[in-house]
Amino acid sequence: MRRKTALIALASAALLAPLAAQARMPSPETIFKAWDKNADGAIDKAEWVAAGRKEASFGKVDVDADGKITLEELTAAMARRKARSQEQGAPEQTPPPTDH
């Protein structure tokens, strides 16, 4: 009986882990506000790198290639990443802390 209970608990934890990760994910607005250090309404490459992101990934989010990421671009990029994670069945990765 204990073995069965333990297996049920482990299975439940495995199923709920992605939901818990999603619940901890800061909103795009929160992340954007924290990363936009000069409060100009856009994240430039220097702010992106200062937030702990890879410089090479900047262009994947800056879809209009104007050298800055808007809230809309960040929101869309986060949605794409979430969709990919769900398709692959992998738990969603948390971005760097918003206090960077």
Protein backbone atom coordinates (compact mmCIF):
# COMPACT_ATOMS: atom_id res chain seq x y z
CA MET A 1 0.00 0.00 0.00
CA ARG A 2 2.81 2.44 0.84
CA ARG A 3 4.49 1.75 -2.49
CA LYS A 4 1.26 2.50 -4.37
CA THR A 5 0.76 5.73 -2.43
CA ALA A 6 4.34 6.78 -3.14
CA LEU A 7 3.93 6.08 -6.86
CA ILE A 8 0.71 8.10 -6.99
CA ALA A 9 2.42 11.00 -5.19
CA LEU A 10 5.36 10.94 -7.59
CA ALA A 11 3.10 10.79 -10.64
CA SER A 12 1.03 13.70 -9.33
CA ALA A 13 4.15 15.77 -8.69
CA ALA A 14 5.43 15.09 -12.21
CA LEU A 15 2.12 16.17 -13.72
CA LEU A 16 1.81 19.31 -11.61
CA ALA A 17 5.42 20.54 -11.94
CA PRO A 18 4.86 22.36 -15.27
CA LEU A 19 1.80 24.10 -13.82
CA ALA A 20 3.79 25.24 -10.79
CA ALA A 21 6.55 26.59 -13.04
CA GLN A 22 3.98 28.51 -15.06
CA ALA A 23 2.45 29.97 -11.91
CA ARG A 24 5.89 31.32 -10.86
CA MET A 25 6.60 32.88 -14.25
CA PRO A 26 6.53 36.69 -14.01
CA SER A 27 4.27 38.42 -16.48
CA PRO A 28 5.80 39.92 -19.65
CA GLU A 29 4.92 43.36 -18.27
CA THR A 30 6.85 42.72 -15.05
CA ILE A 31 9.89 41.43 -16.93
CA PHE A 32 9.75 44.29 -19.44
CA LYS A 33 9.57 46.94 -16.73
CA ALA A 34 12.53 45.41 -14.88
CA TRP A 35 14.70 45.08 -17.98
CA ASP A 36 13.87 48.52 -19.47
CA LYS A 37 16.33 50.30 -17.17
CA ASN A 38 16.10 53.69 -18.88
CA ALA A 39 12.28 53.50 -18.98
CA ASP A 40 12.10 54.56 -22.63
CA GLY A 41 9.45 51.95 -23.45
CA ALA A 42 11.85 49.58 -25.24
CA ILE A 43 14.60 47.12 -24.39
CA ASP A 44 17.77 47.75 -26.36
CA LYS A 45 20.56 45.20 -26.82
CA ALA A 46 22.59 46.56 -23.89
CA GLU A 47 19.61 46.23 -21.53
CA TRP A 48 18.93 42.73 -22.92
CA VAL A 49 22.49 41.60 -22.18
CA ALA A 50 22.49 43.36 -18.79
CA ALA A 51 19.41 41.29 -17.90
CA GLY A 52 21.48 38.15 -18.41
CA ARG A 53 20.18 37.23 -21.85
CA LYS A 54 22.42 36.04 -24.68
CA GLU A 55 23.22 38.74 -27.22
CA ALA A 56 22.64 36.27 -30.07
CA SER A 57 19.02 35.73 -28.99
CA PHE A 58 18.15 39.44 -29.20
CA GLY A 59 17.32 39.24 -32.91
CA LYS A 60 14.89 36.37 -32.36
CA VAL A 61 12.76 38.61 -30.15
CA ASP A 62 13.31 41.87 -32.08
CA VAL A 63 11.23 40.61 -35.00
CA ASP A 64 11.04 43.96 -36.82
CA ALA A 65 14.84 44.36 -36.51
CA ASP A 66 14.66 47.96 -35.36
CA GLY A 67 17.22 47.46 -32.59
CA LYS A 68 14.74 47.49 -29.73
CA ILE A 69 12.27 45.08 -28.21
CA THR A 70 8.78 46.32 -27.46
CA LEU A 71 6.44 44.87 -24.87
CA GLU A 72 4.45 43.32 -27.71
CA GLU A 73 7.55 41.60 -29.12
CA LEU A 74 8.53 40.28 -25.69
CA THR A 75 4.99 39.04 -25.02
CA ALA A 76 4.88 37.26 -28.39
CA ALA A 77 8.32 35.70 -27.84
CA MET A 78 7.29 34.40 -24.42
CA ALA A 79 4.11 32.93 -25.90
CA ARG A 80 6.12 31.19 -28.64
CA ARG A 81 8.53 29.77 -26.07
CA LYS A 82 5.67 28.55 -23.90
CA ALA A 83 4.00 26.87 -26.89
CA ARG A 84 7.26 25.13 -27.85
CA SER A 85 7.74 23.89 -24.28
CA GLN A 86 4.22 22.51 -24.17
CA GLU A 87 4.65 20.79 -27.54
CA GLN A 88 7.85 19.15 -26.36
CA GLY A 89 6.37 18.22 -22.99
CA ALA A 90 9.23 19.94 -21.20
CA PRO A 91 8.67 22.17 -18.18
CA GLU A 92 8.82 25.85 -18.97
CA GLN A 93 12.11 27.55 -18.16
CA THR A 94 12.04 30.59 -15.95
CA PRO A 95 13.70 33.75 -17.23
CA PRO A 96 16.41 35.45 -15.16
CA PRO A 97 15.16 37.33 -12.10
CA THR A 98 13.45 40.62 -12.88
CA ASP A 99 15.71 42.48 -10.46
CA HIS A 100 18.71 42.20 -12.85
